[in-house]
Amino acid sequence: MGKLNQVADGVWVRQSAWVWTNSIAVCGEDGLILIDPGIDGSELSRLADDVDRLGIPVVAGFSTHPHWDHLLWHSRFGDVPRYATPAATHVASRARERAQAMAAESASGIPLDLIALITPLPGDGGPVPGEIIGHQAHAVGHAAVLLADRGVLLAGDMLSDVLIPLFDSRQDDQVGAYEAALDRLGEAAGHVDVVVPGHGAIAEGPETAARLAADRAYIDALRRGEEPVDARLGPHADWLSGPHRSNLEQARGR
């Protein structure tokens, strides 16, 4: 925690002290793409320090989904294009003021004027290397990034050891959407050695299969109409009081 660590060739991760947010830097053809940088102002500034030390210019940003803590930016990263899937861009653009208000309430020092300034990712992926794996679980327009040649899956807010499956109330059949997403991510994970979630510890080796199994067990319990039994719902889940508090409260009251 607290510095940019290389997890694979051309892939670095820095974990915030607050809510275990993983900020990711990926080296593309022309420079770095910053994925989900966060989370408060001081962490963003330290991330900029780390990026400066890499000596590779930032050429783009990418948000895996349109929740406010994945729509952040800092002026030190540069005035470069920032992308998300078309669906995520549509949602984020319409809810930008709400995202700014939530950021101001939940964290300190965030450059509010830079939140959610994103544009639809081109169909060919633009500067973002690898394969974009889109799905409808957790949030509208959610996308993972599969870097198969580097053995890494960037999972967004999926496959976490601290974040339970959380749903988007704006979309129908989130249980079904989550099942479909886990199938896609499970297939992708079979081609990698490292999985980086949006929050929590990086998964390697058998840990990835364990996370898939835990999420599937949670979803299966909901499908059967049962109360899920999951360690991630315990008292230590209070760290989610920032970005995912409302979703967590809904899950606990399910």
C-alpha atoms as a PDB file:
ATOM      1  CA  MET A   1       0.000   0.000   0.000  1.00  0.00           C
ATOM      2  CA  GLY A   2       1.181   3.530  -0.679  1.00  0.00           C
ATOM      3  CA  LYS A   3       3.324   3.181  -3.808  1.00  0.00           C
ATOM      4  CA  LEU A   4       3.058   2.187  -7.430  1.00  0.00           C
ATOM      5  CA  ASN A   5       3.992  -1.489  -7.707  1.00  0.00           C
ATOM      6  CA  GLN A   6       4.657  -3.371 -10.924  1.00  0.00           C
ATOM      7  CA  VAL A   7       2.480  -6.501 -11.159  1.00  0.00           C
ATOM      8  CA  ALA A   8       3.296  -7.474 -14.742  1.00  0.00           C
ATOM      9  CA  ASP A   9       5.144  -6.165 -17.768  1.00  0.00           C
ATOM     10  CA  GLY A  10       3.932  -2.606 -18.266  1.00  0.00           C
ATOM     11  CA  VAL A  11       1.260  -2.802 -15.543  1.00  0.00           C
ATOM     12  CA  TRP A  12       1.521  -0.959 -12.224  1.00  0.00           C
ATOM     13  CA  VAL A  13      -0.939  -0.732  -9.316  1.00  0.00           C
ATOM     14  CA  ARG A  14      -1.126   1.704  -6.411  1.00  0.00           C
ATOM     15  CA  GLN A  15      -3.548   1.015  -3.572  1.00  0.00           C
ATOM     16  CA  SER A  16      -5.079   3.910  -1.637  1.00  0.00           C
ATOM     17  CA  ALA A  17      -5.047   3.873   2.138  1.00  0.00           C
ATOM     18  CA  TRP A  18      -8.783   4.607   2.099  1.00  0.00           C
ATOM     19  CA  VAL A  19     -11.287   2.026   0.815  1.00  0.00           C
ATOM     20  CA  TRP A  20      -8.445   0.014  -0.730  1.00  0.00           C
ATOM     21  CA  THR A  21      -8.932   1.558  -4.158  1.00  0.00           C
ATOM     22  CA  ASN A  22      -6.545   0.246  -6.804  1.00  0.00           C
ATOM     23  CA  SER A  23      -5.280   2.857  -9.247  1.00  0.00           C
ATOM     24  CA  ILE A  24      -3.773   1.228 -12.320  1.00  0.00           C
ATOM     25  CA  ALA A  25      -1.233   2.426 -14.878  1.00  0.00           C
ATOM     26  CA  VAL A  26      -0.895   0.446 -18.087  1.00  0.00           C
ATOM     27  CA  CYS A  27       1.749   1.099 -20.722  1.00  0.00           C
ATOM     28  CA  GLY A  28       0.225   1.354 -24.183  1.00  0.00           C
ATOM     29  CA  GLU A  29       1.807   2.031 -27.555  1.00  0.00           C
ATOM     30  CA  ASP A  30       2.221   5.774 -26.971  1.00  0.00           C
ATOM     31  CA  GLY A  31       2.359   6.066 -23.173  1.00  0.00           C
ATOM     32  CA  LEU A  32       0.475   5.371 -19.969  1.00  0.00           C
ATOM     33  CA  ILE A  33      -3.253   4.838 -19.619  1.00  0.00           C
ATOM     34  CA  LEU A  34      -4.473   5.524 -16.080  1.00  0.00           C
ATOM     35  CA  ILE A  35      -7.379   3.310 -15.098  1.00  0.00           C
ATOM     36  CA  ASP A  36      -9.660   4.282 -12.180  1.00  0.00           C
ATOM     37  CA  PRO A  37      -7.187   6.645 -10.435  1.00  0.00           C
ATOM     38  CA  GLY A  38      -8.194   7.509  -6.881  1.00  0.00           C
ATOM     39  CA  ILE A  39      -9.253   8.227  -4.408  1.00  0.00           C
ATOM     40  CA  ASP A  40      -8.859  11.456  -2.392  1.00  0.00           C
ATOM     41  CA  GLY A  41      -6.793  14.499  -3.326  1.00  0.00           C
ATOM     42  CA  SER A  42      -3.672  13.485  -1.431  1.00  0.00           C
ATOM     43  CA  GLU A  43      -3.721   9.981  -2.925  1.00  0.00           C
ATOM     44  CA  LEU A  44      -4.158  11.385  -6.428  1.00  0.00           C
ATOM     45  CA  SER A  45      -1.201  13.688  -5.849  1.00  0.00           C
ATOM     46  CA  ARG A  46       0.974  10.825  -4.624  1.00  0.00           C
ATOM     47  CA  LEU A  47      -0.076   8.767  -7.624  1.00  0.00           C
ATOM     48  CA  ALA A  48       1.056  11.652  -9.831  1.00  0.00           C
ATOM     49  CA  ASP A  49       4.423  11.608  -8.038  1.00  0.00           C
ATOM     50  CA  ASP A  50       4.771   7.893  -8.742  1.00  0.00           C
ATOM     51  CA  VAL A  51       3.794   8.333 -12.383  1.00  0.00           C
ATOM     52  CA  ASP A  52       6.346  11.123 -12.760  1.00  0.00           C
ATOM     53  CA  ARG A  53       9.040   8.774 -11.474  1.00  0.00           C
ATOM     54  CA  LEU A  54       8.147   6.231 -14.158  1.00  0.00           C
ATOM     55  CA  GLY A  55       9.090   8.823 -16.753  1.00  0.00           C
ATOM     56  CA  ILE A  56       6.361   7.700 -19.152  1.00  0.00           C
ATOM     57  CA  PRO A  57       3.799  10.296 -20.319  1.00  0.00           C
ATOM     58  CA  VAL A  58       0.115   9.804 -19.559  1.00  0.00           C
ATOM     59  CA  VAL A  59      -1.795   9.685 -22.843  1.00  0.00           C
ATOM     60  CA  ALA A  60      -5.306   8.684 -21.694  1.00  0.00           C
ATOM     61  CA  GLY A  61      -7.542   7.668 -18.830  1.00  0.00           C
ATOM     62  CA  PHE A  62     -10.151   4.927 -18.574  1.00  0.00           C
ATOM     63  CA  SER A  63     -13.024   4.463 -16.121  1.00  0.00           C
ATOM     64  CA  THR A  64     -14.268   0.907 -15.698  1.00  0.00           C
ATOM     65  CA  HIS A  65     -17.741   2.105 -14.666  1.00  0.00           C
ATOM     66  CA  PRO A  66     -19.669   5.278 -13.807  1.00  0.00           C
ATOM     67  CA  HIS A  67     -19.513   5.288  -9.987  1.00  0.00           C
ATOM     68  CA  TRP A  68     -18.000   8.523  -8.683  1.00  0.00           C
ATOM     69  CA  ASP A  69     -14.882   6.924  -7.204  1.00  0.00           C
ATOM     70  CA  HIS A  70     -13.952   5.625 -10.666  1.00  0.00           C
ATOM     71  CA  LEU A  71     -14.453   8.958 -12.434  1.00  0.00           C
ATOM     72  CA  LEU A  72     -11.657  10.934 -10.781  1.00  0.00           C
ATOM     73  CA  TRP A  73      -8.705  12.794 -12.225  1.00  0.00           C
ATOM     74  CA  HIS A  74      -5.928  15.215 -11.284  1.00  0.00           C
ATOM     75  CA  SER A  75      -4.534  18.084 -13.336  1.00  0.00           C
ATOM     76  CA  ARG A  76      -1.040  16.643 -12.958  1.00  0.00           C
ATOM     77  CA  PHE A  77      -2.076  13.671 -15.090  1.00  0.00           C
ATOM     78  CA  GLY A  78      -2.550  16.074 -17.979  1.00  0.00           C
ATOM     79  CA  ASP A  79      -5.346  17.258 -20.229  1.00  0.00           C
ATOM     80  CA  VAL A  80      -5.709  13.997 -22.121  1.00  0.00           C
ATOM     81  CA  PRO A  81      -8.727  12.028 -23.364  1.00  0.00           C
ATOM     82  CA  ARG A  82     -10.536  10.014 -20.707  1.00  0.00           C
ATOM     83  CA  TYR A  83     -12.681   7.119 -21.808  1.00  0.00           C
ATOM     84  CA  ALA A  84     -15.387   4.721 -20.655  1.00  0.00           C
ATOM     85  CA  THR A  85     -17.816   2.483 -22.487  1.00  0.00           C
ATOM     86  CA  PRO A  86     -20.563   4.380 -24.344  1.00  0.00           C
ATOM     87  CA  ALA A  87     -23.189   3.260 -21.799  1.00  0.00           C
ATOM     88  CA  ALA A  88     -21.036   4.269 -18.837  1.00  0.00           C
ATOM     89  CA  THR A  89     -20.251   7.622 -20.465  1.00  0.00           C
ATOM     90  CA  HIS A  90     -23.945   8.329 -20.961  1.00  0.00           C
ATOM     91  CA  VAL A  91     -24.754   7.611 -17.307  1.00  0.00           C
ATOM     92  CA  ALA A  92     -21.748   9.506 -15.944  1.00  0.00           C
ATOM     93  CA  SER A  93     -22.443  12.584 -18.053  1.00  0.00           C
ATOM     94  CA  ARG A  94     -26.069  12.782 -16.919  1.00  0.00           C
ATOM     95  CA  ALA A  95     -25.181  12.256 -13.250  1.00  0.00           C
ATOM     96  CA  ARG A  96     -22.039  14.391 -13.097  1.00  0.00           C
ATOM     97  CA  GLU A  97     -23.362  16.840 -10.493  1.00  0.00           C
ATOM     98  CA  ARG A  98     -24.438  13.954  -8.261  1.00  0.00           C
ATOM     99  CA  ALA A  99     -21.008  12.357  -8.595  1.00  0.00           C
ATOM    100  CA  GLN A 100     -19.381  15.643  -7.620  1.00  0.00           C
ATOM    101  CA  ALA A 101     -21.640  15.964  -4.578  1.00  0.00           C
ATOM    102  CA  MET A 102     -20.914  12.397  -3.462  1.00  0.00           C
ATOM    103  CA  ALA A 103     -17.180  12.916  -3.875  1.00  0.00           C
ATOM    104  CA  ALA A 104     -17.269  16.150  -1.877  1.00  0.00           C
ATOM    105  CA  GLU A 105     -19.184  14.407   0.917  1.00  0.00           C
ATOM    106  CA  SER A 106     -17.115  11.246   1.023  1.00  0.00           C
ATOM    107  CA  ALA A 107     -13.488  12.288   0.503  1.00  0.00           C
ATOM    108  CA  SER A 108     -11.262  15.326   0.773  1.00  0.00           C
ATOM    109  CA  GLY A 109      -9.249  17.321  -1.711  1.00  0.00           C
ATOM    110  CA  ILE A 110     -10.715  15.764  -4.850  1.00  0.00           C
ATOM    111  CA  PRO A 111     -10.599  18.096  -7.900  1.00  0.00           C
ATOM    112  CA  LEU A 112     -14.372  18.224  -8.336  1.00  0.00           C
ATOM    113  CA  ASP A 113     -14.236  20.068 -11.644  1.00  0.00           C
ATOM    114  CA  LEU A 114     -12.411  17.111 -13.238  1.00  0.00           C
ATOM    115  CA  ILE A 115     -14.910  14.431 -12.231  1.00  0.00           C
ATOM    116  CA  ALA A 116     -16.628  12.475 -15.030  1.00  0.00           C
ATOM    117  CA  LEU A 117     -15.123  14.346 -17.963  1.00  0.00           C
ATOM    118  CA  ILE A 118     -15.163  11.227 -20.098  1.00  0.00           C
ATOM    119  CA  THR A 119     -15.941  10.318 -23.677  1.00  0.00           C
ATOM    120  CA  PRO A 120     -17.069   7.046 -25.291  1.00  0.00           C
ATOM    121  CA  LEU A 121     -14.278   4.579 -25.967  1.00  0.00           C
ATOM    122  CA  PRO A 122     -13.889   3.902 -29.711  1.00  0.00           C
ATOM    123  CA  GLY A 123     -14.997   0.518 -30.931  1.00  0.00           C
ATOM    124  CA  ASP A 124     -11.399  -0.514 -31.556  1.00  0.00           C
ATOM    125  CA  GLY A 125     -10.417   0.324 -27.957  1.00  0.00           C
ATOM    126  CA  GLY A 126      -8.505   3.452 -28.907  1.00  0.00           C
ATOM    127  CA  PRO A 127      -5.369   3.777 -26.783  1.00  0.00           C
ATOM    128  CA  VAL A 128      -6.514   1.199 -24.206  1.00  0.00           C
ATOM    129  CA  PRO A 129      -4.591  -2.029 -24.858  1.00  0.00           C
ATOM    130  CA  GLY A 130      -6.071  -5.492 -24.552  1.00  0.00           C
ATOM    131  CA  GLU A 131      -9.677  -6.620 -24.768  1.00  0.00           C
ATOM    132  CA  ILE A 132     -12.592  -4.710 -23.256  1.00  0.00           C
ATOM    133  CA  ILE A 133     -15.006  -7.108 -21.547  1.00  0.00           C
ATOM    134  CA  GLY A 134     -18.315  -5.311 -21.133  1.00  0.00           C
ATOM    135  CA  HIS A 135     -21.194  -6.475 -18.972  1.00  0.00           C
ATOM    136  CA  GLN A 136     -24.152  -5.115 -16.984  1.00  0.00           C
ATOM    137  CA  ALA A 137     -23.285  -6.269 -13.456  1.00  0.00           C
ATOM    138  CA  HIS A 138     -22.617  -3.780 -10.638  1.00  0.00           C
ATOM    139  CA  ALA A 139     -23.112  -0.694 -12.834  1.00  0.00           C
ATOM    140  CA  VAL A 140     -24.339   0.381 -16.245  1.00  0.00           C
ATOM    141  CA  GLY A 141     -21.634  -0.046 -18.862  1.00  0.00           C
ATOM    142  CA  HIS A 142     -19.175  -1.803 -16.556  1.00  0.00           C
ATOM    143  CA  ALA A 143     -16.058  -3.058 -18.323  1.00  0.00           C
ATOM    144  CA  ALA A 144     -13.059  -5.158 -17.391  1.00  0.00           C
ATOM    145  CA  VAL A 145      -9.800  -5.023 -19.337  1.00  0.00           C
ATOM    146  CA  LEU A 146      -8.106  -8.277 -20.321  1.00  0.00           C
ATOM    147  CA  LEU A 147      -4.376  -7.940 -20.968  1.00  0.00           C
ATOM    148  CA  ALA A 148      -3.883 -11.529 -22.053  1.00  0.00           C
ATOM    149  CA  ASP A 149      -0.370 -10.977 -23.397  1.00  0.00           C
ATOM    150  CA  ARG A 150       0.682  -9.759 -19.945  1.00  0.00           C
ATOM    151  CA  GLY A 151      -1.341 -12.269 -17.940  1.00  0.00           C
ATOM    152  CA  VAL A 152      -3.492  -9.639 -16.214  1.00  0.00           C
ATOM    153  CA  LEU A 153      -7.232  -9.029 -15.849  1.00  0.00           C
ATOM    154  CA  LEU A 154      -8.313  -5.599 -14.603  1.00  0.00           C
ATOM    155  CA  ALA A 155     -11.715  -6.447 -13.148  1.00  0.00           C
ATOM    156  CA  GLY A 156     -13.186  -3.135 -12.009  1.00  0.00           C
ATOM    157  CA  ASP A 157     -15.535  -3.623  -9.039  1.00  0.00           C
ATOM    158  CA  MET A 158     -15.713  -7.384  -9.522  1.00  0.00           C
ATOM    159  CA  LEU A 159     -13.790 -10.376  -8.096  1.00  0.00           C
ATOM    160  CA  SER A 160     -12.901  -8.546  -4.883  1.00  0.00           C
ATOM    161  CA  ASP A 161     -11.958 -10.053  -1.550  1.00  0.00           C
ATOM    162  CA  VAL A 162     -13.670  -7.178   0.285  1.00  0.00           C
ATOM    163  CA  LEU A 163     -16.540  -6.133  -1.975  1.00  0.00           C
ATOM    164  CA  ILE A 164     -19.617  -8.353  -2.146  1.00  0.00           C
ATOM    165  CA  PRO A 165     -21.648  -8.514  -5.361  1.00  0.00           C
ATOM    166  CA  LEU A 166     -23.475  -5.187  -5.421  1.00  0.00           C
ATOM    167  CA  PHE A 167     -26.274  -4.398  -7.846  1.00  0.00           C
ATOM    168  CA  ASP A 168     -27.432  -1.429  -9.901  1.00  0.00           C
ATOM    169  CA  SER A 169     -31.064  -0.718  -9.060  1.00  0.00           C
ATOM    170  CA  ARG A 170     -31.544   1.031 -12.424  1.00  0.00           C
ATOM    171  CA  GLN A 171     -31.147  -2.258 -14.299  1.00  0.00           C
ATOM    172  CA  ASP A 172     -33.437  -5.250 -14.369  1.00  0.00           C
ATOM    173  CA  ASP A 173     -32.384  -8.788 -13.433  1.00  0.00           C
ATOM    174  CA  GLN A 174     -29.111  -7.918 -11.787  1.00  0.00           C
ATOM    175  CA  VAL A 175     -28.808 -11.465 -10.466  1.00  0.00           C
ATOM    176  CA  GLY A 176     -28.870 -12.741 -14.031  1.00  0.00           C
ATOM    177  CA  ALA A 177     -26.534  -9.981 -15.178  1.00  0.00           C
ATOM    178  CA  TYR A 178     -24.093 -10.873 -12.419  1.00  0.00           C
ATOM    179  CA  GLU A 179     -24.190 -14.553 -13.349  1.00  0.00           C
ATOM    180  CA  ALA A 180     -23.454 -13.697 -16.971  1.00  0.00           C
ATOM    181  CA  ALA A 181     -20.632 -11.346 -15.964  1.00  0.00           C
ATOM    182  CA  LEU A 182     -19.016 -13.957 -13.740  1.00  0.00           C
ATOM    183  CA  ASP A 183     -19.121 -16.425 -16.632  1.00  0.00           C
ATOM    184  CA  ARG A 184     -17.332 -13.948 -18.897  1.00  0.00           C
ATOM    185  CA  LEU A 185     -14.790 -12.946 -16.269  1.00  0.00           C
ATOM    186  CA  GLY A 186     -14.205 -16.555 -15.290  1.00  0.00           C
ATOM    187  CA  GLU A 187     -13.370 -17.405 -18.891  1.00  0.00           C
ATOM    188  CA  ALA A 188     -11.022 -14.414 -19.112  1.00  0.00           C
ATOM    189  CA  ALA A 189      -9.362 -15.248 -15.792  1.00  0.00           C
ATOM    190  CA  GLY A 190      -8.408 -18.636 -17.193  1.00  0.00           C
ATOM    191  CA  HIS A 191      -5.895 -16.836 -19.425  1.00  0.00           C
ATOM    192  CA  VAL A 192      -4.154 -14.758 -16.749  1.00  0.00           C
ATOM    193  CA  ASP A 193      -2.011 -15.033 -13.644  1.00  0.00           C
ATOM    194  CA  VAL A 194      -3.053 -11.784 -11.948  1.00  0.00           C
ATOM    195  CA  VAL A 195      -6.484 -10.247 -11.302  1.00  0.00           C
ATOM    196  CA  VAL A 196      -6.692  -6.646 -10.092  1.00  0.00           C
ATOM    197  CA  PRO A 197     -10.052  -5.654  -8.563  1.00  0.00           C
ATOM    198  CA  GLY A 198     -11.179  -2.074  -8.091  1.00  0.00           C
ATOM    199  CA  HIS A 199     -10.983  -2.491  -4.308  1.00  0.00           C
ATOM    200  CA  GLY A 200      -9.047  -4.982  -2.229  1.00  0.00           C
ATOM    201  CA  ALA A 201      -6.105  -7.288  -2.665  1.00  0.00           C
ATOM    202  CA  ILE A 202      -4.721  -8.436  -5.987  1.00  0.00           C
ATOM    203  CA  ALA A 203      -5.545 -12.090  -6.706  1.00  0.00           C
ATOM    204  CA  GLU A 204      -2.986 -14.551  -7.980  1.00  0.00           C
ATOM    205  CA  GLY A 205      -3.122 -18.283  -8.653  1.00  0.00           C
ATOM    206  CA  PRO A 206      -5.904 -20.199  -6.860  1.00  0.00           C
ATOM    207  CA  GLU A 207      -7.181 -17.018  -5.163  1.00  0.00           C
ATOM    208  CA  THR A 208      -8.950 -16.013  -8.378  1.00  0.00           C
ATOM    209  CA  ALA A 209     -10.946 -19.251  -8.454  1.00  0.00           C
ATOM    210  CA  ALA A 210     -11.809 -18.749  -4.784  1.00  0.00           C
ATOM    211  CA  ARG A 211     -13.221 -15.292  -5.494  1.00  0.00           C
ATOM    212  CA  LEU A 212     -15.257 -16.541  -8.421  1.00  0.00           C
ATOM    213  CA  ALA A 213     -16.635 -19.312  -6.205  1.00  0.00           C
ATOM    214  CA  ALA A 214     -17.493 -16.860  -3.405  1.00  0.00           C
ATOM    215  CA  ASP A 215     -19.344 -14.536  -5.764  1.00  0.00           C
ATOM    216  CA  ARG A 216     -21.189 -17.416  -7.398  1.00  0.00           C
ATOM    217  CA  ALA A 217     -22.207 -18.775  -3.988  1.00  0.00           C
ATOM    218  CA  TYR A 218     -23.539 -15.336  -3.030  1.00  0.00           C
ATOM    219  CA  ILE A 219     -25.534 -15.063  -6.256  1.00  0.00           C
ATOM    220  CA  ASP A 220     -26.789 -18.651  -5.987  1.00  0.00           C
ATOM    221  CA  ALA A 221     -28.121 -17.926  -2.492  1.00  0.00           C
ATOM    222  CA  LEU A 222     -30.046 -14.924  -3.800  1.00  0.00           C
ATOM    223  CA  ARG A 223     -31.383 -16.994  -6.696  1.00  0.00           C
ATOM    224  CA  ARG A 224     -32.736 -19.522  -4.174  1.00  0.00           C
ATOM    225  CA  GLY A 225     -34.255 -16.751  -2.062  1.00  0.00           C
ATOM    226  CA  GLU A 226     -31.858 -17.400   0.812  1.00  0.00           C
ATOM    227  CA  GLU A 227     -29.807 -15.001   2.923  1.00  0.00           C
ATOM    228  CA  PRO A 228     -26.201 -15.104   1.660  1.00  0.00           C
ATOM    229  CA  VAL A 229     -23.566 -16.100   4.191  1.00  0.00           C
ATOM    230  CA  ASP A 230     -20.423 -14.191   3.278  1.00  0.00           C
ATOM    231  CA  ALA A 231     -17.510 -12.966   5.373  1.00  0.00           C
ATOM    232  CA  ARG A 232     -17.458  -9.764   3.327  1.00  0.00           C
ATOM    233  CA  LEU A 233     -20.778  -8.775   4.920  1.00  0.00           C
ATOM    234  CA  GLY A 234     -19.249  -8.781   8.419  1.00  0.00           C
ATOM    235  CA  PRO A 235     -18.495  -5.795  10.630  1.00  0.00           C
ATOM    236  CA  HIS A 236     -15.211  -5.127   8.859  1.00  0.00           C
ATOM    237  CA  ALA A 237     -17.182  -4.205   5.770  1.00  0.00           C
ATOM    238  CA  ASP A 238     -17.675  -0.764   7.327  1.00  0.00           C
ATOM    239  CA  TRP A 239     -14.722   0.431   5.245  1.00  0.00           C
ATOM    240  CA  LEU A 240     -17.295   0.635   2.453  1.00  0.00           C
ATOM    241  CA  SER A 241     -18.892   3.624   4.161  1.00  0.00           C
ATOM    242  CA  GLY A 242     -17.417   5.754   1.384  1.00  0.00           C
ATOM    243  CA  PRO A 243     -18.212   4.853  -2.232  1.00  0.00           C
ATOM    244  CA  HIS A 244     -20.513   1.881  -1.685  1.00  0.00           C
ATOM    245  CA  ARG A 245     -22.317   2.596   1.562  1.00  0.00           C
ATOM    246  CA  SER A 246     -25.826   2.705   0.096  1.00  0.00           C
ATOM    247  CA  ASN A 247     -25.259  -0.517  -1.848  1.00  0.00           C
ATOM    248  CA  LEU A 248     -23.873  -2.254   1.224  1.00  0.00           C
ATOM    249  CA  GLU A 249     -26.823  -1.165   3.353  1.00  0.00           C
ATOM    250  CA  GLN A 250     -29.195  -2.538   0.717  1.00  0.00           C
ATOM    251  CA  ALA A 251     -27.305  -5.832   0.697  1.00  0.00           C
ATOM    252  CA  ARG A 252     -27.355  -6.128   4.491  1.00  0.00           C
ATOM    253  CA  GLY A 253     -31.061  -5.408   4.538  1.00  0.00           C
ATOM    254  CA  ARG A 254     -31.846  -7.843   1.772  1.00  0.00           C
END
